[in-house]
């Protein structure tokens, strides 16, 4: 028996080949367009009254000989490659619908569009077994909300945090909830640090995160009760050679290092960077240098009295008052900037040697 499926439209999206588009469109803020063919435009009547839509489409570039895929970075593989997304409708412009959350490449045929209703189509307690139990995936998605995007070193921060907690015998259900007992010491101030803060729950604000200005991608996690812990270091250059593709590295150099490149370059780098980020979550233990350590006890954050600056009148901790002036009015203090810890003096920043 032969069935004919006729597309009603086509996807217009910046991503044109497999591996560029973000995984799980629901987690992406990219905007795409669905162009409905003229003969089906009448079917769009009143669609602009809907906030969300169900879109069915045909993965025309998906493999059809493989039934099992390993999420999140494997692309769809199915005998009948029908895609399904719930998208947010931003605007209708004639036959063109501008939407978010669509997980499809440019040129993908659209089979059908239906209105989505949270009252009819949503089942509140529905679960996907392999999705909900992946702690690292869930933590990376939380880290994305905190950091703003997924990138390789954000994912590495999550990966080494979980590896460190496992080495210390901390159970999965305790992840990101044991900050009273833990102290995290990071040796860099890049994206990795944000992954550590989210995964461990140790943050600068709760005084469970210390920063050592060493410029190394390393985390030391210790228990305060005995000051024993583990230090995990990762060789960034080795990872770049093994897991980062040439195009991603070239775009990183163009967009981030040289601060040039247009919107298309930024969009493509974001997608490639996210894909590498997911791969970082699955790095084998052998990729890391792991050492068990014992450190000298470090005091918990003490509580100091406050004192008013005699010049600006603002309140500051007494330890930050010098000759009656706050350090800002005194004109000399330290700060953490992109290059590390620097000294601010006489209106200028100076690198601390």
C-alpha atoms as a PDB file:
ATOM      1  CA  UNK A   1       0.000   0.000   0.000  1.00  0.00           C
ATOM      2  CA  UNK A   2       1.381   3.388  -1.017  1.00  0.00           C
ATOM      3  CA  UNK A   3       0.523   6.640   0.748  1.00  0.00           C
ATOM      4  CA  UNK A   4       1.268  10.080  -0.628  1.00  0.00           C
ATOM      5  CA  UNK A   5       2.255  12.840   1.775  1.00  0.00           C
ATOM      6  CA  UNK A   6       2.151  16.335   0.319  1.00  0.00           C
ATOM      7  CA  UNK A   7       4.052  19.142   2.091  1.00  0.00           C
ATOM      8  CA  UNK A   8       2.058  22.268   2.936  1.00  0.00           C
ATOM      9  CA  UNK A   9       5.118  24.464   3.361  1.00  0.00           C
ATOM     10  CA  UNK A  10       8.838  24.671   3.986  1.00  0.00           C
ATOM     11  CA  UNK A  11      11.165  25.723   6.815  1.00  0.00           C
ATOM     12  CA  UNK A  12      13.374  28.778   6.413  1.00  0.00           C
ATOM     13  CA  UNK A  13      16.206  28.621   8.935  1.00  0.00           C
ATOM     14  CA  UNK A  14      19.848  29.793   9.130  1.00  0.00           C
ATOM     15  CA  UNK A  15      21.042  26.215   9.709  1.00  0.00           C
ATOM     16  CA  UNK A  16      21.439  24.366   6.458  1.00  0.00           C
ATOM     17  CA  UNK A  17      23.283  21.149   7.299  1.00  0.00           C
ATOM     18  CA  UNK A  18      23.235  18.420   9.906  1.00  0.00           C
ATOM     19  CA  UNK A  19      25.173  19.289  13.051  1.00  0.00           C
ATOM     20  CA  UNK A  20      24.578  23.060  12.846  1.00  0.00           C
ATOM     21  CA  UNK A  21      21.106  23.321  14.367  1.00  0.00           C
ATOM     22  CA  UNK A  22      20.801  23.376  18.178  1.00  0.00           C
ATOM     23  CA  UNK A  23      19.679  20.087  19.724  1.00  0.00           C
ATOM     24  CA  UNK A  24      16.206  20.190  21.216  1.00  0.00           C
ATOM     25  CA  UNK A  25      14.690  23.311  19.689  1.00  0.00           C
ATOM     26  CA  UNK A  26      12.685  23.875  22.878  1.00  0.00           C
ATOM     27  CA  UNK A  27      15.889  24.978  24.591  1.00  0.00           C
ATOM     28  CA  UNK A  28      16.915  27.387  21.820  1.00  0.00           C
ATOM     29  CA  UNK A  29      15.951  31.023  21.308  1.00  0.00           C
ATOM     30  CA  UNK A  30      16.657  30.928  17.563  1.00  0.00           C
ATOM     31  CA  UNK A  31      13.881  32.288  15.347  1.00  0.00           C
ATOM     32  CA  UNK A  32      12.889  30.423  12.191  1.00  0.00           C
ATOM     33  CA  UNK A  33      10.201  30.855   9.561  1.00  0.00           C
ATOM     34  CA  UNK A  34       7.607  28.487   8.164  1.00  0.00           C
ATOM     35  CA  UNK A  35       6.553  29.459   4.666  1.00  0.00           C
ATOM     36  CA  UNK A  36       3.174  27.988   3.724  1.00  0.00           C
ATOM     37  CA  UNK A  37       2.590  27.349   0.028  1.00  0.00           C
ATOM     38  CA  UNK A  38       0.003  29.622  -1.666  1.00  0.00           C
ATOM     39  CA  UNK A  39      -2.557  26.856  -2.245  1.00  0.00           C
ATOM     40  CA  UNK A  40      -2.756  26.198   1.520  1.00  0.00           C
ATOM     41  CA  UNK A  41      -2.812  29.796   2.770  1.00  0.00           C
ATOM     42  CA  UNK A  42      -6.557  29.659   3.453  1.00  0.00           C
ATOM     43  CA  UNK A  43      -5.852  27.032   6.118  1.00  0.00           C
ATOM     44  CA  UNK A  44      -4.025  29.665   8.167  1.00  0.00           C
ATOM     45  CA  UNK A  45      -7.248  31.493   8.991  1.00  0.00           C
ATOM     46  CA  UNK A  46      -7.142  32.847  12.575  1.00  0.00           C
ATOM     47  CA  UNK A  47      -3.822  31.100  13.281  1.00  0.00           C
ATOM     48  CA  UNK A  48      -2.482  34.373  14.696  1.00  0.00           C
ATOM     49  CA  UNK A  49      -4.877  33.942  17.639  1.00  0.00           C
ATOM     50  CA  UNK A  50      -2.779  30.942  18.771  1.00  0.00           C
ATOM     51  CA  UNK A  51       0.244  31.436  20.992  1.00  0.00           C
ATOM     52  CA  UNK A  52       1.718  28.000  20.262  1.00  0.00           C
ATOM     53  CA  UNK A  53       1.528  25.503  17.406  1.00  0.00           C
ATOM     54  CA  UNK A  54       2.229  21.831  16.767  1.00  0.00           C
ATOM     55  CA  UNK A  55       4.375  21.460  13.654  1.00  0.00           C
ATOM     56  CA  UNK A  56       4.806  18.149  11.827  1.00  0.00           C
ATOM     57  CA  UNK A  57       7.616  17.977   9.302  1.00  0.00           C
ATOM     58  CA  UNK A  58       9.720  15.533   7.295  1.00  0.00           C
ATOM     59  CA  UNK A  59      13.374  14.962   8.265  1.00  0.00           C
ATOM     60  CA  UNK A  60      14.414  14.694   4.634  1.00  0.00           C
ATOM     61  CA  UNK A  61      18.114  14.359   5.494  1.00  0.00           C
ATOM     62  CA  UNK A  62      17.772  11.830   8.336  1.00  0.00           C
ATOM     63  CA  UNK A  63      19.099   8.284   8.122  1.00  0.00           C
ATOM     64  CA  UNK A  64      16.409   5.651   7.690  1.00  0.00           C
ATOM     65  CA  UNK A  65      18.513   2.544   8.314  1.00  0.00           C
ATOM     66  CA  UNK A  66      19.241   3.108  12.010  1.00  0.00           C
ATOM     67  CA  UNK A  67      16.562   2.820  14.702  1.00  0.00           C
ATOM     68  CA  UNK A  68      18.564   3.625  17.823  1.00  0.00           C
ATOM     69  CA  UNK A  69      20.234   6.967  18.569  1.00  0.00           C
ATOM     70  CA  UNK A  70      22.054   8.219  21.634  1.00  0.00           C
ATOM     71  CA  UNK A  71      20.753  11.635  22.655  1.00  0.00           C
ATOM     72  CA  UNK A  72      21.463  14.464  22.805  1.00  0.00           C
ATOM     73  CA  UNK A  73      23.960  14.786  19.938  1.00  0.00           C
ATOM     74  CA  UNK A  74      22.734  12.018  17.611  1.00  0.00           C
ATOM     75  CA  UNK A  75      20.372  13.304  14.948  1.00  0.00           C
ATOM     76  CA  UNK A  76      16.940  11.695  14.362  1.00  0.00           C
ATOM     77  CA  UNK A  77      17.034   8.205  12.855  1.00  0.00           C
ATOM     78  CA  UNK A  78      13.751   6.546  11.973  1.00  0.00           C
ATOM     79  CA  UNK A  79      12.183   4.543   9.106  1.00  0.00           C
ATOM     80  CA  UNK A  80       9.576   7.271   8.574  1.00  0.00           C
ATOM     81  CA  UNK A  81      11.388  10.468   9.595  1.00  0.00           C
ATOM     82  CA  UNK A  82       8.453  12.546  10.810  1.00  0.00           C
ATOM     83  CA  UNK A  83       9.475  15.426  13.054  1.00  0.00           C
ATOM     84  CA  UNK A  84       7.277  16.955  15.737  1.00  0.00           C
ATOM     85  CA  UNK A  85       7.773  20.263  17.545  1.00  0.00           C
ATOM     86  CA  UNK A  86       5.689  22.510  19.729  1.00  0.00           C
ATOM     87  CA  UNK A  87       6.676  26.031  18.718  1.00  0.00           C
ATOM     88  CA  UNK A  88       5.920  29.516  19.940  1.00  0.00           C
ATOM     89  CA  UNK A  89       4.230  31.671  17.311  1.00  0.00           C
ATOM     90  CA  UNK A  90       5.803  35.125  17.314  1.00  0.00           C
ATOM     91  CA  UNK A  91       4.181  36.685  14.269  1.00  0.00           C
ATOM     92  CA  UNK A  92       2.259  35.923  11.101  1.00  0.00           C
ATOM     93  CA  UNK A  93       3.237  37.795   7.938  1.00  0.00           C
ATOM     94  CA  UNK A  94       0.893  36.596   5.209  1.00  0.00           C
ATOM     95  CA  UNK A  95       1.946  33.023   4.398  1.00  0.00           C
ATOM     96  CA  UNK A  96       4.997  33.198   6.670  1.00  0.00           C
ATOM     97  CA  UNK A  97       4.958  32.221  10.333  1.00  0.00           C
ATOM     98  CA  UNK A  98       7.841  33.400  12.542  1.00  0.00           C
ATOM     99  CA  UNK A  99       8.385  30.897  15.364  1.00  0.00           C
ATOM    100  CA  UNK A 100      10.786  29.786  18.101  1.00  0.00           C
ATOM    101  CA  UNK A 101      11.719  26.262  19.248  1.00  0.00           C
ATOM    102  CA  UNK A 102      11.582  24.582  15.824  1.00  0.00           C
ATOM    103  CA  UNK A 103      14.180  21.809  15.507  1.00  0.00           C
ATOM    104  CA  UNK A 104      14.605  21.546  11.739  1.00  0.00           C
ATOM    105  CA  UNK A 105      17.117  22.507   9.053  1.00  0.00           C
ATOM    106  CA  UNK A 106      16.548  25.028   6.305  1.00  0.00           C
ATOM    107  CA  UNK A 107      14.472  23.559   3.496  1.00  0.00           C
ATOM    108  CA  UNK A 108      12.735  20.928   5.637  1.00  0.00           C
ATOM    109  CA  UNK A 109       9.261  20.111   4.222  1.00  0.00           C
ATOM    110  CA  UNK A 110       6.378  20.958   6.593  1.00  0.00           C
ATOM    111  CA  UNK A 111       3.571  18.375   6.589  1.00  0.00           C
ATOM    112  CA  UNK A 112       0.970  19.940   8.853  1.00  0.00           C
ATOM    113  CA  UNK A 113       0.355  22.620  11.502  1.00  0.00           C
ATOM    114  CA  UNK A 114      -2.127  22.369  14.350  1.00  0.00           C
ATOM    115  CA  UNK A 115      -2.969  24.679  17.279  1.00  0.00           C
ATOM    116  CA  UNK A 116      -1.450  23.653  20.606  1.00  0.00           C
ATOM    117  CA  UNK A 117      -3.515  23.862  23.795  1.00  0.00           C
ATOM    118  CA  UNK A 118      -2.091  23.433  27.285  1.00  0.00           C
ATOM    119  CA  UNK A 119      -5.532  22.270  28.414  1.00  0.00           C
ATOM    120  CA  UNK A 120      -5.899  19.561  25.765  1.00  0.00           C
ATOM    121  CA  UNK A 121      -2.401  18.592  24.622  1.00  0.00           C
ATOM    122  CA  UNK A 122      -0.434  18.837  27.875  1.00  0.00           C
ATOM    123  CA  UNK A 123      -0.119  15.960  30.358  1.00  0.00           C
ATOM    124  CA  UNK A 124       1.474  17.406  33.465  1.00  0.00           C
ATOM    125  CA  UNK A 125       3.142  14.287  34.877  1.00  0.00           C
ATOM    126  CA  UNK A 126       4.330  12.805  31.565  1.00  0.00           C
ATOM    127  CA  UNK A 127       7.945  11.623  31.614  1.00  0.00           C
ATOM    128  CA  UNK A 128      10.609  10.246  29.296  1.00  0.00           C
ATOM    129  CA  UNK A 129      12.595   7.714  31.283  1.00  0.00           C
ATOM    130  CA  UNK A 130      16.021   8.268  29.761  1.00  0.00           C
ATOM    131  CA  UNK A 131      15.631  12.057  29.649  1.00  0.00           C
ATOM    132  CA  UNK A 132      14.623  12.819  33.218  1.00  0.00           C
ATOM    133  CA  UNK A 133      17.229  10.609  34.851  1.00  0.00           C
ATOM    134  CA  UNK A 134      20.226  12.132  33.087  1.00  0.00           C
ATOM    135  CA  UNK A 135      21.625  14.286  35.878  1.00  0.00           C
ATOM    136  CA  UNK A 136      24.377  15.831  33.784  1.00  0.00           C
ATOM    137  CA  UNK A 137      21.950  16.793  31.021  1.00  0.00           C
ATOM    138  CA  UNK A 138      19.602  18.420  33.520  1.00  0.00           C
ATOM    139  CA  UNK A 139      22.431  20.262  35.237  1.00  0.00           C
ATOM    140  CA  UNK A 140      23.771  21.514  31.905  1.00  0.00           C
ATOM    141  CA  UNK A 141      20.340  22.885  31.034  1.00  0.00           C
ATOM    142  CA  UNK A 142      20.272  24.684  34.396  1.00  0.00           C
ATOM    143  CA  UNK A 143      23.774  25.969  33.704  1.00  0.00           C
ATOM    144  CA  UNK A 144      22.595  27.260  30.323  1.00  0.00           C
ATOM    145  CA  UNK A 145      19.910  29.341  32.048  1.00  0.00           C
ATOM    146  CA  UNK A 146      22.555  30.752  34.392  1.00  0.00           C
ATOM    147  CA  UNK A 147      25.327  31.266  31.833  1.00  0.00           C
ATOM    148  CA  UNK A 148      23.214  32.260  28.832  1.00  0.00           C
ATOM    149  CA  UNK A 149      24.259  29.522  26.399  1.00  0.00           C
ATOM    150  CA  UNK A 150      25.871  26.095  26.180  1.00  0.00           C
ATOM    151  CA  UNK A 151      29.559  26.001  25.323  1.00  0.00           C
ATOM    152  CA  UNK A 152      32.355  23.431  25.749  1.00  0.00           C
ATOM    153  CA  UNK A 153      33.837  24.854  28.956  1.00  0.00           C
ATOM    154  CA  UNK A 154      30.486  25.403  30.648  1.00  0.00           C
ATOM    155  CA  UNK A 155      29.838  21.695  30.032  1.00  0.00           C
ATOM    156  CA  UNK A 156      33.320  20.828  31.291  1.00  0.00           C
ATOM    157  CA  UNK A 157      32.527  22.673  34.517  1.00  0.00           C
ATOM    158  CA  UNK A 158      29.480  20.444  34.967  1.00  0.00           C
ATOM    159  CA  UNK A 159      31.421  17.313  33.987  1.00  0.00           C
ATOM    160  CA  UNK A 160      34.365  17.805  36.364  1.00  0.00           C
ATOM    161  CA  UNK A 161      32.010  18.823  39.200  1.00  0.00           C
ATOM    162  CA  UNK A 162      30.029  15.615  38.933  1.00  0.00           C
ATOM    163  CA  UNK A 163      33.207  13.578  38.542  1.00  0.00           C
ATOM    164  CA  UNK A 164      34.643  15.227  41.673  1.00  0.00           C
ATOM    165  CA  UNK A 165      31.476  14.591  43.684  1.00  0.00           C
ATOM    166  CA  UNK A 166      31.416  10.971  42.577  1.00  0.00           C
ATOM    167  CA  UNK A 167      35.046  10.586  43.637  1.00  0.00           C
ATOM    168  CA  UNK A 168      34.081  11.991  47.053  1.00  0.00           C
ATOM    169  CA  UNK A 169      31.181   9.553  47.364  1.00  0.00           C
ATOM    170  CA  UNK A 170      28.440  12.162  47.071  1.00  0.00           C
ATOM    171  CA  UNK A 171      25.232  10.596  45.776  1.00  0.00           C
ATOM    172  CA  UNK A 172      23.474  11.910  42.673  1.00  0.00           C
ATOM    173  CA  UNK A 173      20.453  13.067  44.620  1.00  0.00           C
ATOM    174  CA  UNK A 174      22.792  15.272  46.686  1.00  0.00           C
ATOM    175  CA  UNK A 175      24.265  17.126  43.694  1.00  0.00           C
ATOM    176  CA  UNK A 176      23.952  20.911  44.014  1.00  0.00           C
ATOM    177  CA  UNK A 177      22.500  20.574  47.534  1.00  0.00           C
ATOM    178  CA  UNK A 178      25.497  19.979  49.796  1.00  0.00           C
ATOM    179  CA  UNK A 179      27.125  23.414  49.913  1.00  0.00           C
ATOM    180  CA  UNK A 180      27.251  23.549  53.719  1.00  0.00           C
ATOM    181  CA  UNK A 181      29.765  20.731  53.633  1.00  0.00           C
ATOM    182  CA  UNK A 182      31.608  21.527  50.401  1.00  0.00           C
ATOM    183  CA  UNK A 183      34.145  24.097  49.307  1.00  0.00           C
ATOM    184  CA  UNK A 184      34.903  24.493  45.608  1.00  0.00           C
ATOM    185  CA  UNK A 185      38.216  26.026  44.556  1.00  0.00           C
ATOM    186  CA  UNK A 186      38.515  27.039  40.904  1.00  0.00           C
ATOM    187  CA  UNK A 187      41.711  28.120  39.163  1.00  0.00           C
ATOM    188  CA  UNK A 188      40.200  30.086  36.273  1.00  0.00           C
ATOM    189  CA  UNK A 189      37.465  32.664  35.724  1.00  0.00           C
ATOM    190  CA  UNK A 190      36.123  31.376  32.405  1.00  0.00           C
ATOM    191  CA  UNK A 191      32.913  29.546  31.471  1.00  0.00           C
ATOM    192  CA  UNK A 192      34.009  26.444  33.381  1.00  0.00           C
ATOM    193  CA  UNK A 193      33.475  28.291  36.670  1.00  0.00           C
ATOM    194  CA  UNK A 194      29.784  28.873  35.931  1.00  0.00           C
ATOM    195  CA  UNK A 195      29.320  25.151  35.300  1.00  0.00           C
ATOM    196  CA  UNK A 196      30.968  24.435  38.654  1.00  0.00           C
ATOM    197  CA  UNK A 197      28.719  26.878  40.501  1.00  0.00           C
ATOM    198  CA  UNK A 198      25.530  25.363  39.095  1.00  0.00           C
ATOM    199  CA  UNK A 199      26.554  21.716  39.458  1.00  0.00           C
ATOM    200  CA  UNK A 200      28.007  21.945  42.973  1.00  0.00           C
ATOM    201  CA  UNK A 201      25.844  24.708  44.409  1.00  0.00           C
ATOM    202  CA  UNK A 202      29.067  26.354  45.641  1.00  0.00           C
ATOM    203  CA  UNK A 203      28.930  29.996  44.604  1.00  0.00           C
ATOM    204  CA  UNK A 204      30.779  33.221  45.252  1.00  0.00           C
ATOM    205  CA  UNK A 205      27.730  34.589  47.058  1.00  0.00           C
ATOM    206  CA  UNK A 206      27.348  31.722  49.526  1.00  0.00           C
ATOM    207  CA  UNK A 207      31.097  31.813  50.285  1.00  0.00           C
ATOM    208  CA  UNK A 208      31.608  28.224  49.168  1.00  0.00           C
ATOM    209  CA  UNK A 209      33.588  29.167  46.058  1.00  0.00           C
ATOM    210  CA  UNK A 210      37.204  30.340  46.079  1.00  0.00           C
ATOM    211  CA  UNK A 211      39.053  31.693  43.052  1.00  0.00           C
ATOM    212  CA  UNK A 212      42.768  31.128  42.597  1.00  0.00           C
ATOM    213  CA  UNK A 213      44.209  33.304  39.831  1.00  0.00           C
ATOM    214  CA  UNK A 214      46.217  30.513  38.181  1.00  0.00           C
ATOM    215  CA  UNK A 215      44.673  30.366  34.698  1.00  0.00           C
ATOM    216  CA  UNK A 216      44.206  26.580  34.764  1.00  0.00           C
ATOM    217  CA  UNK A 217      41.070  24.603  33.971  1.00  0.00           C
ATOM    218  CA  UNK A 218      40.954  22.869  37.319  1.00  0.00           C
ATOM    219  CA  UNK A 219      38.597  22.331  40.232  1.00  0.00           C
ATOM    220  CA  UNK A 220      39.410  21.271  43.766  1.00  0.00           C
ATOM    221  CA  UNK A 221      36.427  20.064  45.759  1.00  0.00           C
ATOM    222  CA  UNK A 222      36.910  19.446  49.472  1.00  0.00           C
ATOM    223  CA  UNK A 223      34.728  18.536  52.449  1.00  0.00           C
ATOM    224  CA  UNK A 224      34.992  21.036  55.258  1.00  0.00           C
ATOM    225  CA  UNK A 225      34.626  18.367  57.934  1.00  0.00           C
ATOM    226  CA  UNK A 226      38.075  16.881  57.274  1.00  0.00           C
ATOM    227  CA  UNK A 227      39.494  19.167  54.510  1.00  0.00           C
ATOM    228  CA  UNK A 228      40.061  16.167  52.277  1.00  0.00           C
ATOM    229  CA  UNK A 229      39.018  16.299  48.691  1.00  0.00           C
ATOM    230  CA  UNK A 230      39.928  15.865  45.046  1.00  0.00           C
ATOM    231  CA  UNK A 231      41.541  18.106  42.432  1.00  0.00           C
ATOM    232  CA  UNK A 232      40.579  17.534  38.799  1.00  0.00           C
ATOM    233  CA  UNK A 233      42.493  19.150  35.970  1.00  0.00           C
ATOM    234  CA  UNK A 234      41.674  19.021  32.266  1.00  0.00           C
ATOM    235  CA  UNK A 235      44.124  19.688  29.424  1.00  0.00           C
ATOM    236  CA  UNK A 236      42.195  22.111  27.215  1.00  0.00           C
ATOM    237  CA  UNK A 237      44.631  21.905  24.301  1.00  0.00           C
ATOM    238  CA  UNK A 238      44.386  18.128  24.187  1.00  0.00           C
ATOM    239  CA  UNK A 239      40.584  18.321  24.126  1.00  0.00           C
ATOM    240  CA  UNK A 240      40.633  20.866  21.304  1.00  0.00           C
ATOM    241  CA  UNK A 241      42.738  18.553  19.160  1.00  0.00           C
ATOM    242  CA  UNK A 242      40.548  15.518  19.828  1.00  0.00           C
ATOM    243  CA  UNK A 243      36.993  16.869  19.987  1.00  0.00           C
ATOM    244  CA  UNK A 244      36.802  20.346  18.421  1.00  0.00           C
ATOM    245  CA  UNK A 245      36.306  20.448  14.667  1.00  0.00           C
ATOM    246  CA  UNK A 246      38.295  22.834  12.497  1.00  0.00           C
ATOM    247  CA  UNK A 247      35.330  25.019  11.529  1.00  0.00           C
ATOM    248  CA  UNK A 248      34.361  25.612  15.165  1.00  0.00           C
ATOM    249  CA  UNK A 249      37.913  26.614  16.093  1.00  0.00           C
ATOM    250  CA  UNK A 250      38.210  28.952  13.110  1.00  0.00           C
ATOM    251  CA  UNK A 251      34.903  30.620  13.973  1.00  0.00           C
ATOM    252  CA  UNK A 252      35.908  30.918  17.629  1.00  0.00           C
ATOM    253  CA  UNK A 253      39.116  32.677  16.623  1.00  0.00           C
ATOM    254  CA  UNK A 254      37.220  34.996  14.268  1.00  0.00           C
ATOM    255  CA  UNK A 255      34.257  35.857  16.495  1.00  0.00           C
ATOM    256  CA  UNK A 256      35.673  35.669  20.041  1.00  0.00           C
ATOM    257  CA  UNK A 257      39.439  36.144  19.802  1.00  0.00           C
ATOM    258  CA  UNK A 258      39.539  38.718  16.989  1.00  0.00           C
ATOM    259  CA  UNK A 259      36.097  40.230  17.790  1.00  0.00           C
ATOM    260  CA  UNK A 260      34.934  40.240  14.189  1.00  0.00           C
ATOM    261  CA  UNK A 261      32.388  38.328  12.138  1.00  0.00           C
ATOM    262  CA  UNK A 262      28.731  38.895  11.384  1.00  0.00           C
ATOM    263  CA  UNK A 263      25.483  37.530  12.773  1.00  0.00           C
ATOM    264  CA  UNK A 264      25.707  34.398  10.620  1.00  0.00           C
ATOM    265  CA  UNK A 265      29.157  33.602  12.040  1.00  0.00           C
ATOM    266  CA  UNK A 266      27.912  34.121  15.592  1.00  0.00           C
ATOM    267  CA  UNK A 267      24.859  31.927  15.003  1.00  0.00           C
ATOM    268  CA  UNK A 268      26.892  29.142  13.449  1.00  0.00           C
ATOM    269  CA  UNK A 269      29.522  29.252  16.201  1.00  0.00           C
ATOM    270  CA  UNK A 270      26.800  29.068  18.840  1.00  0.00           C
ATOM    271  CA  UNK A 271      25.365  25.900  17.291  1.00  0.00           C
ATOM    272  CA  UNK A 272      28.754  24.212  16.795  1.00  0.00           C
ATOM    273  CA  UNK A 273      29.883  25.241  20.292  1.00  0.00           C
ATOM    274  CA  UNK A 274      26.712  23.780  21.825  1.00  0.00           C
ATOM    275  CA  UNK A 275      27.191  20.492  20.002  1.00  0.00           C
ATOM    276  CA  UNK A 276      30.751  20.222  21.326  1.00  0.00           C
ATOM    277  CA  UNK A 277      29.432  21.106  24.776  1.00  0.00           C
ATOM    278  CA  UNK A 278      27.154  18.067  24.796  1.00  0.00           C
ATOM    279  CA  UNK A 279      30.132  15.902  23.829  1.00  0.00           C
ATOM    280  CA  UNK A 280      32.106  17.257  26.803  1.00  0.00           C
ATOM    281  CA  UNK A 281      29.506  15.733  29.153  1.00  0.00           C
ATOM    282  CA  UNK A 282      30.481  12.264  27.972  1.00  0.00           C
ATOM    283  CA  UNK A 283      34.253  12.592  28.221  1.00  0.00           C
ATOM    284  CA  UNK A 284      35.766   9.443  29.710  1.00  0.00           C
ATOM    285  CA  UNK A 285      37.426   9.634  33.103  1.00  0.00           C
ATOM    286  CA  UNK A 286      40.786   9.021  31.440  1.00  0.00           C
ATOM    287  CA  UNK A 287      40.717  12.518  29.920  1.00  0.00           C
ATOM    288  CA  UNK A 288      41.159  14.090  33.359  1.00  0.00           C
ATOM    289  CA  UNK A 289      44.051  14.307  35.800  1.00  0.00           C
ATOM    290  CA  UNK A 290      42.626  13.345  39.206  1.00  0.00           C
ATOM    291  CA  UNK A 291      44.523  13.800  42.474  1.00  0.00           C
ATOM    292  CA  UNK A 292      43.240  13.287  46.001  1.00  0.00           C
ATOM    293  CA  UNK A 293      44.316  16.158  48.226  1.00  0.00           C
ATOM    294  CA  UNK A 294      44.194  17.468  51.768  1.00  0.00           C
ATOM    295  CA  UNK A 295      44.332  21.228  52.288  1.00  0.00           C
ATOM    296  CA  UNK A 296      44.839  23.524  55.229  1.00  0.00           C
ATOM    297  CA  UNK A 297      41.533  24.586  56.833  1.00  0.00           C
ATOM    298  CA  UNK A 298      40.085  27.813  55.432  1.00  0.00           C
ATOM    299  CA  UNK A 299      37.896  29.996  57.619  1.00  0.00           C
ATOM    300  CA  UNK A 300      34.248  30.454  56.798  1.00  0.00           C
ATOM    301  CA  UNK A 301      33.312  33.993  55.840  1.00  0.00           C
ATOM    302  CA  UNK A 302      33.486  36.079  59.037  1.00  0.00           C
ATOM    303  CA  UNK A 303      30.945  38.783  59.806  1.00  0.00           C
ATOM    304  CA  UNK A 304      32.464  42.257  60.143  1.00  0.00           C
ATOM    305  CA  UNK A 305      30.954  45.475  61.446  1.00  0.00           C
ATOM    306  CA  UNK A 306      30.162  48.236  58.976  1.00  0.00           C
ATOM    307  CA  UNK A 307      31.533  51.760  58.927  1.00  0.00           C
ATOM    308  CA  UNK A 308      30.603  54.862  56.957  1.00  0.00           C
ATOM    309  CA  UNK A 309      33.056  56.393  54.501  1.00  0.00           C
ATOM    310  CA  UNK A 310      33.851  59.968  55.503  1.00  0.00           C
ATOM    311  CA  UNK A 311      33.863  61.127  51.874  1.00  0.00           C
ATOM    312  CA  UNK A 312      31.009  59.389  49.986  1.00  0.00           C
ATOM    313  CA  UNK A 313      28.939  58.519  53.039  1.00  0.00           C
ATOM    314  CA  UNK A 314      28.389  54.950  51.895  1.00  0.00           C
ATOM    315  CA  UNK A 315      28.613  52.000  54.263  1.00  0.00           C
ATOM    316  CA  UNK A 316      31.413  49.457  53.794  1.00  0.00           C
ATOM    317  CA  UNK A 317      32.875  46.605  55.818  1.00  0.00           C
ATOM    318  CA  UNK A 318      35.336  47.932  58.360  1.00  0.00           C
ATOM    319  CA  UNK A 319      38.101  45.853  56.739  1.00  0.00           C
ATOM    320  CA  UNK A 320      37.569  47.919  53.579  1.00  0.00           C
ATOM    321  CA  UNK A 321      37.891  51.301  55.273  1.00  0.00           C
ATOM    322  CA  UNK A 322      41.317  52.943  55.117  1.00  0.00           C
ATOM    323  CA  UNK A 323      42.013  56.164  57.002  1.00  0.00           C
ATOM    324  CA  UNK A 324      38.288  56.824  57.187  1.00  0.00           C
ATOM    325  CA  UNK A 325      37.765  56.286  53.455  1.00  0.00           C
ATOM    326  CA  UNK A 326      36.268  53.323  51.601  1.00  0.00           C
ATOM    327  CA  UNK A 327      38.732  51.739  49.188  1.00  0.00           C
ATOM    328  CA  UNK A 328      36.961  53.295  46.209  1.00  0.00           C
ATOM    329  CA  UNK A 329      37.376  56.795  47.611  1.00  0.00           C
ATOM    330  CA  UNK A 330      40.908  55.932  48.704  1.00  0.00           C
ATOM    331  CA  UNK A 331      41.581  55.102  45.053  1.00  0.00           C
ATOM    332  CA  UNK A 332      43.252  51.720  45.399  1.00  0.00           C
ATOM    333  CA  UNK A 333      41.630  48.289  45.341  1.00  0.00           C
ATOM    334  CA  UNK A 334      41.638  44.947  43.530  1.00  0.00           C
ATOM    335  CA  UNK A 335      39.165  43.509  41.026  1.00  0.00           C
ATOM    336  CA  UNK A 336      38.615  40.320  39.018  1.00  0.00           C
ATOM    337  CA  UNK A 337      38.404  41.065  35.298  1.00  0.00           C
ATOM    338  CA  UNK A 338      38.792  38.890  32.209  1.00  0.00           C
ATOM    339  CA  UNK A 339      42.560  38.544  32.544  1.00  0.00           C
ATOM    340  CA  UNK A 340      42.391  37.708  36.271  1.00  0.00           C
ATOM    341  CA  UNK A 341      43.040  39.740  39.433  1.00  0.00           C
ATOM    342  CA  UNK A 342      44.124  43.316  38.727  1.00  0.00           C
ATOM    343  CA  UNK A 343      44.785  46.375  40.840  1.00  0.00           C
ATOM    344  CA  UNK A 344      42.853  49.610  40.325  1.00  0.00           C
ATOM    345  CA  UNK A 345      44.872  52.679  41.225  1.00  0.00           C
ATOM    346  CA  UNK A 346      44.851  56.333  40.115  1.00  0.00           C
ATOM    347  CA  UNK A 347      41.908  55.690  37.791  1.00  0.00           C
ATOM    348  CA  UNK A 348      43.552  52.829  35.903  1.00  0.00           C
ATOM    349  CA  UNK A 349      43.701  49.048  36.080  1.00  0.00           C
ATOM    350  CA  UNK A 350      47.113  47.434  36.441  1.00  0.00           C
ATOM    351  CA  UNK A 351      47.802  43.746  36.037  1.00  0.00           C
ATOM    352  CA  UNK A 352      49.068  42.194  39.255  1.00  0.00           C
ATOM    353  CA  UNK A 353      52.436  40.562  38.657  1.00  0.00           C
END
